[in-house]
Each structure stands twice: as structure tokens, then as C-alpha cells.
Amino acid sequence: MKKVLTIAGSDSSGGAGIQADIKTITAHKMYAMSAITALTAQNTTGVYGVMDADADFVKNQIDCIFTDIRPDAVKIGMVSNIEIIKAIAEKLIEYKADNIVVDPVMVATSGSRLISEDAMETLIKELLPLGSVITPNIPEAEVLSGIDIKSEEDMIKAAEIISENIDGAILIKGGHYDDNANDLLYDNGNIHWFKGKRVDTKNTHGTGCTLSSAIACNLAAGYSKEESIKNAKEYITGALKDGLDLGKGSGPLNHMYNLG
């Protein structure tokens, strides 16, 4: 059985963060492990509190995982301060981790900011360069590139700017557009578009967490980056189309839609 580690924050309502990651990994019939970076008090209407884990304790969690059950892929989600970011980078380098997918979580679906300004620079310099694939959405790609993104040409330009500091592949997710959900994969100058129709639903809580975890699962299974993203995109589209409707705000996906 393939093993996948998620390094991320906990979502008390179960729709995003490590809960979404574990559900996604399980739906891919793989073994899920987690190193928790923060506890959040949140639900479908917003984030109402964040309590960061101690950076040394995050290291301890990662040590326990890699020295016993080495993961075949690693997904990184919410990392909210400098010390935690440095701790994760240090340990992933120490253990020569494979198939790292970094979802640069900056803003929750509800609009709540999840990373401090001073941690942004450390994320860009120390953690993003370790990623085999990084998965920013449009707002996150705007922050990382420093430009406004209004078109697919802008997405390419942003990816080119981001790639100046990152060797891994960059997947800019176009789901924030109203008319489509076309995603751009930029990998060492090579461009590949994943075309998709926008699913008409307000229930998108945890989509970024879910997609990045699904990509990690596919990389763990031995698929190429392009195949992994294609498969992950099909999985999340199915989870959105299933029509699960929970909560008063932006509800979660049905991660288990394909398990009958």
C-alpha cells in the first residue's frame, strides 16, 4: 500500500485541512499520515480561531513518520508562521522526501487569511522550492508573482515569474474564473492546459486541499505530473458534482463519492 503524508492544519468542521487530506488519501486507497501544523476553529462560514503547533513538535511528528513509515509522497498545506515553515523544510531536506506537493494556502475559501505577512517570504524562499508541484489558485499566484491575473496570458506570465525561484512544476488553478476551470501547468518552460467546466455550486470548502492531496496520491502511485494532475482534476470534479450540501456557508465536497 502506498503511503502519503499530509503536513497541514486541522479543520474542526472536517471539510478542509488534514481532514480533507485524509479523506482524499483514503478514497485513493492509500495509507494516510499527518503532521499537524495548527488547530483551527472553523466551519463553512469562516475561520474563528487559529492555534499554531510548536515548531519543535512539528519536527517531532515528521521524525516519527519518516523513521518508521516512510511516505511515498508528501502534501503540504497550511503553514502559518516562519518557525514552522523552517522546521518542515529542514526535515524534508534531511529525509530527502519524494513527490512533494505544496499548496501555498494563504486565504481560506471563506476569505479568512491563514498566513502572516512575515511568513510569506520564508514560504517562498524555503518551502516552495522543495515542491515537485506547487498549486496556487489565482489570488495566491497574484501574491507570488506580484501581478494581476485577468486572463490565461496573465496566468502564463505569472507562472514564468514564479518559476524564477522554483524548479518544480507550477499548477495555477483557474477555478476563480466564472466561465471555466482551466488550469495551467508550467513545468520548466513547458506549458500544458487542463481544460474544465466550472461546476455550479457554492460548496467548494476544501477544494485546494483536496486537489493537492489527490495529486500527491497519484504521484505516489507512479503517475507523471501531467497524469497526476489530470486524474486529480477528474476526482475533484466528481466530488463537486456529487452535490453534497452541508452547513450554512461554503460547504464541503463529498470525498467518498466514488466509493459507492
C-alpha atoms as a PDB file:
ATOM      1  CA  MET A   1       0.000   0.000   0.000  1.00  0.00           C
ATOM      2  CA  LYS A   2       1.270   3.461  -0.889  1.00  0.00           C
ATOM      3  CA  LYS A   3       1.690   5.925   1.972  1.00  0.00           C
ATOM      4  CA  VAL A   4       1.002   9.657   1.819  1.00  0.00           C
ATOM      5  CA  LEU A   5       1.846  12.253   4.470  1.00  0.00           C
ATOM      6  CA  THR A   6      -0.112  15.475   4.867  1.00  0.00           C
ATOM      7  CA  ILE A   7       1.542  18.344   6.720  1.00  0.00           C
ATOM      8  CA  ALA A   8      -1.249  20.822   7.339  1.00  0.00           C
ATOM      9  CA  GLY A   9      -3.684  22.421   9.748  1.00  0.00           C
ATOM     10  CA  SER A  10      -6.730  20.767  11.249  1.00  0.00           C
ATOM     11  CA  ASP A  11     -10.221  21.886  10.185  1.00  0.00           C
ATOM     12  CA  SER A  12     -12.656  21.283  13.013  1.00  0.00           C
ATOM     13  CA  SER A  13     -15.578  21.093  10.563  1.00  0.00           C
ATOM     14  CA  GLY A  14     -13.868  18.372   8.507  1.00  0.00           C
ATOM     15  CA  GLY A  15     -14.111  19.924   5.066  1.00  0.00           C
ATOM     16  CA  ALA A  16     -10.562  21.194   4.558  1.00  0.00           C
ATOM     17  CA  GLY A  17      -7.082  20.752   6.042  1.00  0.00           C
ATOM     18  CA  ILE A  18      -5.868  17.396   7.269  1.00  0.00           C
ATOM     19  CA  GLN A  19      -9.394  16.028   7.478  1.00  0.00           C
ATOM     20  CA  ALA A  20      -9.955  16.640   3.754  1.00  0.00           C
ATOM     21  CA  ASP A  21      -6.491  15.287   3.008  1.00  0.00           C
ATOM     22  CA  ILE A  22      -7.014  12.070   4.954  1.00  0.00           C
ATOM     23  CA  LYS A  23     -10.395  11.503   3.290  1.00  0.00           C
ATOM     24  CA  THR A  24      -8.838  12.087  -0.143  1.00  0.00           C
ATOM     25  CA  ILE A  25      -5.911   9.753   0.521  1.00  0.00           C
ATOM     26  CA  THR A  26      -8.268   7.079   1.852  1.00  0.00           C
ATOM     27  CA  ALA A  27     -10.534   7.450  -1.198  1.00  0.00           C
ATOM     28  CA  HIS A  28      -7.438   6.702  -3.305  1.00  0.00           C
ATOM     29  CA  LYS A  29      -6.976   3.504  -1.255  1.00  0.00           C
ATOM     30  CA  MET A  30      -3.702   4.687   0.260  1.00  0.00           C
ATOM     31  CA  TYR A  31      -2.430   4.960   3.826  1.00  0.00           C
ATOM     32  CA  ALA A  32      -2.735   8.475   5.268  1.00  0.00           C
ATOM     33  CA  MET A  33      -0.417  10.034   7.864  1.00  0.00           C
ATOM     34  CA  SER A  34      -0.407  13.563   9.240  1.00  0.00           C
ATOM     35  CA  ALA A  35       1.819  16.128  10.895  1.00  0.00           C
ATOM     36  CA  ILE A  36      -0.429  18.847  12.281  1.00  0.00           C
ATOM     37  CA  THR A  37       0.828  22.435  11.984  1.00  0.00           C
ATOM     38  CA  ALA A  38      -2.133  24.202  13.585  1.00  0.00           C
ATOM     39  CA  LEU A  39      -5.551  23.744  15.116  1.00  0.00           C
ATOM     40  CA  THR A  40      -8.289  25.881  13.634  1.00  0.00           C
ATOM     41  CA  ALA A  41     -11.768  26.638  14.897  1.00  0.00           C
ATOM     42  CA  GLN A  42     -13.685  26.901  11.647  1.00  0.00           C
ATOM     43  CA  ASN A  43     -16.751  25.827   9.757  1.00  0.00           C
ATOM     44  CA  THR A  44     -18.378  26.513   6.406  1.00  0.00           C
ATOM     45  CA  THR A  45     -18.919  30.179   7.291  1.00  0.00           C
ATOM     46  CA  GLY A  46     -15.372  31.129   8.288  1.00  0.00           C
ATOM     47  CA  VAL A  47     -12.277  30.695  10.423  1.00  0.00           C
ATOM     48  CA  TYR A  48     -12.851  31.759  14.029  1.00  0.00           C
ATOM     49  CA  GLY A  49      -9.536  30.864  15.636  1.00  0.00           C
ATOM     50  CA  VAL A  50      -6.058  29.512  14.853  1.00  0.00           C
ATOM     51  CA  MET A  51      -3.639  27.943  17.358  1.00  0.00           C
ATOM     52  CA  ASP A  52      -0.243  27.108  15.885  1.00  0.00           C
ATOM     53  CA  ALA A  53       1.636  23.994  16.881  1.00  0.00           C
ATOM     54  CA  ASP A  54       5.108  24.379  18.377  1.00  0.00           C
ATOM     55  CA  ALA A  55       7.730  24.135  15.615  1.00  0.00           C
ATOM     56  CA  ASP A  56       9.794  21.560  17.523  1.00  0.00           C
ATOM     57  CA  PHE A  57       6.690  19.440  17.948  1.00  0.00           C
ATOM     58  CA  VAL A  58       6.066  19.606  14.188  1.00  0.00           C
ATOM     59  CA  LYS A  59       9.636  18.330  13.724  1.00  0.00           C
ATOM     60  CA  ASN A  60       8.947  15.547  16.228  1.00  0.00           C
ATOM     61  CA  GLN A  61       5.870  14.446  14.269  1.00  0.00           C
ATOM     62  CA  ILE A  62       7.810  14.385  10.994  1.00  0.00           C
ATOM     63  CA  ASP A  63      10.697  12.466  12.603  1.00  0.00           C
ATOM     64  CA  CYS A  64       8.295   9.825  13.916  1.00  0.00           C
ATOM     65  CA  ILE A  65       6.773   9.362  10.472  1.00  0.00           C
ATOM     66  CA  PHE A  66       9.924   9.191   8.355  1.00  0.00           C
ATOM     67  CA  THR A  67      11.851   6.934  10.745  1.00  0.00           C
ATOM     68  CA  ASP A  68       9.071   4.365  10.835  1.00  0.00           C
ATOM     69  CA  ILE A  69       6.682   4.534   7.858  1.00  0.00           C
ATOM     70  CA  ARG A  70       8.373   6.484   5.066  1.00  0.00           C
ATOM     71  CA  PRO A  71       5.803   8.238   2.845  1.00  0.00           C
ATOM     72  CA  ASP A  72       5.772   7.832  -0.931  1.00  0.00           C
ATOM     73  CA  ALA A  73       4.506  11.397  -1.296  1.00  0.00           C
ATOM     74  CA  VAL A  74       4.075  14.474   0.884  1.00  0.00           C
ATOM     75  CA  LYS A  75       1.382  17.133   0.672  1.00  0.00           C
ATOM     76  CA  ILE A  76       1.940  20.447   2.474  1.00  0.00           C
ATOM     77  CA  GLY A  77      -0.959  22.745   3.243  1.00  0.00           C
ATOM     78  CA  MET A  78      -1.469  25.407   5.896  1.00  0.00           C
ATOM     79  CA  VAL A  79       1.800  26.658   7.418  1.00  0.00           C
ATOM     80  CA  SER A  80       1.198  29.904   9.249  1.00  0.00           C
ATOM     81  CA  ASN A  81       4.496  31.073  10.735  1.00  0.00           C
ATOM     82  CA  ILE A  82       8.207  31.285   9.993  1.00  0.00           C
ATOM     83  CA  GLU A  83       9.379  28.750  12.579  1.00  0.00           C
ATOM     84  CA  ILE A  84       7.030  26.024  11.321  1.00  0.00           C
ATOM     85  CA  ILE A  85       7.973  26.653   7.692  1.00  0.00           C
ATOM     86  CA  LYS A  86      11.678  26.377   8.510  1.00  0.00           C
ATOM     87  CA  ALA A  87      11.076  23.242  10.579  1.00  0.00           C
ATOM     88  CA  ILE A  88       9.250  21.497   7.731  1.00  0.00           C
ATOM     89  CA  ALA A  89      11.853  22.489   5.132  1.00  0.00           C
ATOM     90  CA  GLU A  90      14.683  21.281   7.384  1.00  0.00           C
ATOM     91  CA  LYS A  91      13.117  17.864   7.911  1.00  0.00           C
ATOM     92  CA  LEU A  92      12.085  17.267   4.292  1.00  0.00           C
ATOM     93  CA  ILE A  93      15.645  18.030   3.184  1.00  0.00           C
ATOM     94  CA  GLU A  94      17.080  15.816   5.952  1.00  0.00           C
ATOM     95  CA  TYR A  95      14.952  12.842   4.897  1.00  0.00           C
ATOM     96  CA  LYS A  96      15.242  13.527   1.158  1.00  0.00           C
ATOM     97  CA  ALA A  97      11.461  13.384   0.808  1.00  0.00           C
ATOM     98  CA  ASP A  98       9.997  12.462  -2.583  1.00  0.00           C
ATOM     99  CA  ASN A  99       6.968  13.727  -4.527  1.00  0.00           C
ATOM    100  CA  ILE A 100       6.291  16.877  -2.525  1.00  0.00           C
ATOM    101  CA  VAL A 101       3.135  18.821  -3.405  1.00  0.00           C
ATOM    102  CA  VAL A 102       2.909  22.290  -1.843  1.00  0.00           C
ATOM    103  CA  ASP A 103      -0.437  24.041  -1.688  1.00  0.00           C
ATOM    104  CA  PRO A 104       0.504  27.618  -0.709  1.00  0.00           C
ATOM    105  CA  VAL A 105      -2.560  28.174   1.470  1.00  0.00           C
ATOM    106  CA  MET A 106      -2.906  31.895   2.112  1.00  0.00           C
ATOM    107  CA  VAL A 107      -6.639  32.555   2.183  1.00  0.00           C
ATOM    108  CA  ALA A 108      -9.477  30.180   3.102  1.00  0.00           C
ATOM    109  CA  THR A 109     -12.439  29.672   0.765  1.00  0.00           C
ATOM    110  CA  SER A 110     -14.410  31.862   3.176  1.00  0.00           C
ATOM    111  CA  GLY A 111     -11.928  34.725   2.670  1.00  0.00           C
ATOM    112  CA  SER A 112     -10.105  34.411   6.010  1.00  0.00           C
ATOM    113  CA  ARG A 113      -6.333  34.943   5.842  1.00  0.00           C
ATOM    114  CA  LEU A 114      -4.385  31.891   7.027  1.00  0.00           C
ATOM    115  CA  ILE A 115      -0.725  33.001   6.862  1.00  0.00           C
ATOM    116  CA  SER A 116       1.049  36.002   8.370  1.00  0.00           C
ATOM    117  CA  GLU A 117       2.745  38.541   6.131  1.00  0.00           C
ATOM    118  CA  ASP A 118       6.181  37.881   7.625  1.00  0.00           C
ATOM    119  CA  ALA A 119       5.864  34.148   6.939  1.00  0.00           C
ATOM    120  CA  MET A 120       5.193  34.697   3.230  1.00  0.00           C
ATOM    121  CA  GLU A 121       8.811  35.427   2.338  1.00  0.00           C
ATOM    122  CA  THR A 122      10.044  32.341   4.201  1.00  0.00           C
ATOM    123  CA  LEU A 123       7.446  30.195   2.427  1.00  0.00           C
ATOM    124  CA  ILE A 124       8.622  31.461  -0.954  1.00  0.00           C
ATOM    125  CA  LYS A 125      12.347  31.116  -0.195  1.00  0.00           C
ATOM    126  CA  GLU A 126      12.498  27.879   1.800  1.00  0.00           C
ATOM    127  CA  LEU A 127       9.441  25.708   1.222  1.00  0.00           C
ATOM    128  CA  LEU A 128       8.116  26.290  -2.292  1.00  0.00           C
ATOM    129  CA  PRO A 129      11.482  25.388  -3.917  1.00  0.00           C
ATOM    130  CA  LEU A 130      11.193  21.884  -2.393  1.00  0.00           C
ATOM    131  CA  GLY A 131       7.945  21.170  -4.211  1.00  0.00           C
ATOM    132  CA  SER A 132       7.694  18.744  -7.109  1.00  0.00           C
ATOM    133  CA  VAL A 133       4.444  20.599  -7.816  1.00  0.00           C
ATOM    134  CA  ILE A 134       3.057  23.759  -6.253  1.00  0.00           C
ATOM    135  CA  THR A 135      -0.657  24.512  -6.610  1.00  0.00           C
ATOM    136  CA  PRO A 136      -1.553  28.203  -6.176  1.00  0.00           C
ATOM    137  CA  ASN A 137      -5.003  29.474  -7.106  1.00  0.00           C
ATOM    138  CA  ILE A 138      -5.398  32.794  -8.928  1.00  0.00           C
ATOM    139  CA  PRO A 139      -5.246  35.051  -5.820  1.00  0.00           C
ATOM    140  CA  GLU A 140      -2.246  33.124  -4.477  1.00  0.00           C
ATOM    141  CA  ALA A 141      -0.471  33.257  -7.850  1.00  0.00           C
ATOM    142  CA  GLU A 142      -1.034  37.023  -7.881  1.00  0.00           C
ATOM    143  CA  VAL A 143       0.694  37.305  -4.492  1.00  0.00           C
ATOM    144  CA  LEU A 144       3.567  35.029  -5.539  1.00  0.00           C
ATOM    145  CA  SER A 145       4.127  36.777  -8.887  1.00  0.00           C
ATOM    146  CA  GLY A 146       3.268  40.345  -7.937  1.00  0.00           C
ATOM    147  CA  ILE A 147       0.978  40.835 -10.948  1.00  0.00           C
ATOM    148  CA  ASP A 148      -2.767  40.955 -11.518  1.00  0.00           C
ATOM    149  CA  ILE A 149      -4.165  37.920 -13.335  1.00  0.00           C
ATOM    150  CA  LYS A 150      -7.127  38.656 -15.588  1.00  0.00           C
ATOM    151  CA  SER A 151      -6.551  36.247 -18.474  1.00  0.00           C
ATOM    152  CA  GLU A 152      -4.883  32.992 -19.460  1.00  0.00           C
ATOM    153  CA  GLU A 153      -1.980  35.023 -20.861  1.00  0.00           C
ATOM    154  CA  ASP A 154      -1.575  36.565 -17.407  1.00  0.00           C
ATOM    155  CA  MET A 155      -1.543  33.075 -15.883  1.00  0.00           C
ATOM    156  CA  ILE A 156       1.392  32.137 -18.125  1.00  0.00           C
ATOM    157  CA  LYS A 157       3.233  35.357 -17.266  1.00  0.00           C
ATOM    158  CA  ALA A 158       2.681  34.764 -13.542  1.00  0.00           C
ATOM    159  CA  ALA A 159       3.981  31.198 -13.827  1.00  0.00           C
ATOM    160  CA  GLU A 160       7.099  32.438 -15.609  1.00  0.00           C
ATOM    161  CA  ILE A 161       7.774  34.920 -12.796  1.00  0.00           C
ATOM    162  CA  ILE A 162       7.161  32.345 -10.055  1.00  0.00           C
ATOM    163  CA  SER A 163       9.419  29.837 -11.843  1.00  0.00           C
ATOM    164  CA  GLU A 164      12.407  32.172 -11.467  1.00  0.00           C
ATOM    165  CA  ASN A 165      12.697  30.984  -7.855  1.00  0.00           C
ATOM    166  CA  ILE A 166      11.222  27.487  -8.162  1.00  0.00           C
ATOM    167  CA  ASP A 167      12.477  24.459 -10.103  1.00  0.00           C
ATOM    168  CA  GLY A 168       9.352  22.356  -9.607  1.00  0.00           C
ATOM    169  CA  ALA A 169       6.194  22.440 -11.682  1.00  0.00           C
ATOM    170  CA  ILE A 170       3.649  25.206 -11.098  1.00  0.00           C
ATOM    171  CA  LEU A 171      -0.062  24.481 -11.388  1.00  0.00           C
ATOM    172  CA  ILE A 172      -2.080  27.696 -11.417  1.00  0.00           C
ATOM    173  CA  LYS A 173      -5.704  26.822 -10.776  1.00  0.00           C
ATOM    174  CA  GLY A 174      -8.232  28.789 -12.792  1.00  0.00           C
ATOM    175  CA  GLY A 175     -11.293  27.920 -10.746  1.00  0.00           C
ATOM    176  CA  HIS A 176     -11.792  31.542  -9.677  1.00  0.00           C
ATOM    177  CA  TYR A 177     -12.974  32.438 -13.173  1.00  0.00           C
ATOM    178  CA  ASP A 178     -16.732  32.485 -13.711  1.00  0.00           C
ATOM    179  CA  ASP A 179     -16.853  30.754 -17.080  1.00  0.00           C
ATOM    180  CA  ASN A 180     -14.323  27.902 -16.829  1.00  0.00           C
ATOM    181  CA  ALA A 181     -11.999  25.942 -14.582  1.00  0.00           C
ATOM    182  CA  ASN A 182      -8.965  25.792 -16.861  1.00  0.00           C
ATOM    183  CA  ASP A 183      -5.721  25.078 -15.007  1.00  0.00           C
ATOM    184  CA  LEU A 184      -2.211  25.879 -16.239  1.00  0.00           C
ATOM    185  CA  LEU A 185       0.735  23.552 -15.676  1.00  0.00           C
ATOM    186  CA  TYR A 186       4.069  25.300 -16.186  1.00  0.00           C
ATOM    187  CA  ASP A 187       6.999  22.904 -15.911  1.00  0.00           C
ATOM    188  CA  ASN A 188      10.478  24.186 -16.816  1.00  0.00           C
ATOM    189  CA  GLY A 189       9.129  26.294 -19.654  1.00  0.00           C
ATOM    190  CA  ASN A 190       6.690  23.663 -20.902  1.00  0.00           C
ATOM    191  CA  ILE A 191       3.023  24.678 -20.876  1.00  0.00           C
ATOM    192  CA  HIS A 192       0.062  22.328 -20.588  1.00  0.00           C
ATOM    193  CA  TRP A 193      -3.569  23.358 -20.143  1.00  0.00           C
ATOM    194  CA  PHE A 194      -6.113  21.236 -18.305  1.00  0.00           C
ATOM    195  CA  LYS A 195      -9.472  22.345 -19.648  1.00  0.00           C
ATOM    196  CA  GLY A 196     -12.515  22.042 -17.445  1.00  0.00           C
ATOM    197  CA  LYS A 197     -16.008  23.409 -16.981  1.00  0.00           C
ATOM    198  CA  ARG A 198     -16.808  25.251 -13.781  1.00  0.00           C
ATOM    199  CA  VAL A 199     -19.120  23.236 -11.533  1.00  0.00           C
ATOM    200  CA  ASP A 200     -22.057  25.423 -10.492  1.00  0.00           C
ATOM    201  CA  THR A 201     -22.003  25.039  -6.710  1.00  0.00           C
ATOM    202  CA  LYS A 202     -21.332  27.196  -3.659  1.00  0.00           C
ATOM    203  CA  ASN A 203     -19.963  24.179  -1.809  1.00  0.00           C
ATOM    204  CA  THR A 204     -16.235  24.465  -2.506  1.00  0.00           C
ATOM    205  CA  HIS A 205     -14.822  24.318   1.037  1.00  0.00           C
ATOM    206  CA  GLY A 206     -11.500  22.478   0.910  1.00  0.00           C
ATOM    207  CA  THR A 207     -11.137  22.222  -2.868  1.00  0.00           C
ATOM    208  CA  GLY A 208      -7.484  23.313  -2.804  1.00  0.00           C
ATOM    209  CA  CYS A 209      -6.597  20.865  -0.039  1.00  0.00           C
ATOM    210  CA  THR A 210      -8.380  18.061  -1.847  1.00  0.00           C
ATOM    211  CA  LEU A 211      -6.784  18.682  -5.242  1.00  0.00           C
ATOM    212  CA  SER A 212      -3.239  18.878  -3.889  1.00  0.00           C
ATOM    213  CA  SER A 213      -3.743  15.685  -1.867  1.00  0.00           C
ATOM    214  CA  ALA A 214      -5.135  13.894  -4.907  1.00  0.00           C
ATOM    215  CA  ILE A 215      -2.094  14.976  -6.939  1.00  0.00           C
ATOM    216  CA  ALA A 216       0.189  13.632  -4.196  1.00  0.00           C
ATOM    217  CA  CYS A 217      -1.668  10.314  -4.248  1.00  0.00           C
ATOM    218  CA  ASN A 218      -1.221   9.984  -7.994  1.00  0.00           C
ATOM    219  CA  LEU A 219       2.474  10.855  -7.786  1.00  0.00           C
ATOM    220  CA  ALA A 220       2.827   8.198  -5.074  1.00  0.00           C
ATOM    221  CA  ALA A 221       1.202   5.722  -7.446  1.00  0.00           C
ATOM    222  CA  GLY A 222       3.892   6.446 -10.043  1.00  0.00           C
ATOM    223  CA  TYR A 223       1.968   8.630 -12.485  1.00  0.00           C
ATOM    224  CA  SER A 224       3.684  11.523 -14.255  1.00  0.00           C
ATOM    225  CA  LYS A 225       2.945  15.099 -13.189  1.00  0.00           C
ATOM    226  CA  GLU A 226       0.561  15.600 -16.107  1.00  0.00           C
ATOM    227  CA  GLU A 227      -1.241  12.311 -15.482  1.00  0.00           C
ATOM    228  CA  SER A 228      -1.401  13.006 -11.748  1.00  0.00           C
ATOM    229  CA  ILE A 229      -2.997  16.405 -12.275  1.00  0.00           C
ATOM    230  CA  LYS A 230      -5.423  15.072 -14.890  1.00  0.00           C
ATOM    231  CA  ASN A 231      -6.541  12.262 -12.578  1.00  0.00           C
ATOM    232  CA  ALA A 232      -6.786  14.590  -9.577  1.00  0.00           C
ATOM    233  CA  LYS A 233      -8.842  17.098 -11.551  1.00  0.00           C
ATOM    234  CA  GLU A 234     -11.275  14.349 -12.576  1.00  0.00           C
ATOM    235  CA  TYR A 235     -11.553  13.228  -8.950  1.00  0.00           C
ATOM    236  CA  ILE A 236     -12.307  16.685  -7.574  1.00  0.00           C
ATOM    237  CA  THR A 237     -14.787  17.423 -10.372  1.00  0.00           C
ATOM    238  CA  GLY A 238     -16.698  14.290  -9.399  1.00  0.00           C
ATOM    239  CA  ALA A 239     -16.593  15.250  -5.723  1.00  0.00           C
ATOM    240  CA  LEU A 240     -18.035  18.687  -6.553  1.00  0.00           C
ATOM    241  CA  LYS A 241     -20.701  17.359  -8.920  1.00  0.00           C
ATOM    242  CA  ASP A 242     -21.940  14.896  -6.311  1.00  0.00           C
ATOM    243  CA  GLY A 243     -23.872  17.749  -4.770  1.00  0.00           C
ATOM    244  CA  LEU A 244     -23.195  17.297  -1.062  1.00  0.00           C
ATOM    245  CA  ASP A 245     -24.831  20.228   0.745  1.00  0.00           C
ATOM    246  CA  LEU A 246     -23.808  20.665   4.387  1.00  0.00           C
ATOM    247  CA  GLY A 247     -23.551  23.753   6.553  1.00  0.00           C
ATOM    248  CA  LYS A 248     -24.737  27.336   6.267  1.00  0.00           C
ATOM    249  CA  GLY A 249     -21.863  28.653   4.131  1.00  0.00           C
ATOM    250  CA  SER A 250     -19.489  27.207   1.565  1.00  0.00           C
ATOM    251  CA  GLY A 251     -19.958  23.508   2.256  1.00  0.00           C
ATOM    252  CA  PRO A 252     -17.514  20.609   1.792  1.00  0.00           C
ATOM    253  CA  LEU A 253     -17.129  18.183  -1.108  1.00  0.00           C
ATOM    254  CA  ASN A 254     -18.088  14.529  -0.997  1.00  0.00           C
ATOM    255  CA  HIS A 255     -14.614  12.988  -0.896  1.00  0.00           C
ATOM    256  CA  MET A 256     -16.065   9.490  -0.921  1.00  0.00           C
ATOM    257  CA  TYR A 257     -18.407   9.917  -3.898  1.00  0.00           C
ATOM    258  CA  ASN A 258     -16.611   7.245  -5.927  1.00  0.00           C
ATOM    259  CA  LEU A 259     -16.723   4.557  -3.242  1.00  0.00           C
ATOM    260  CA  GLY A 260     -20.348   3.678  -3.876  1.00  0.00           C
END
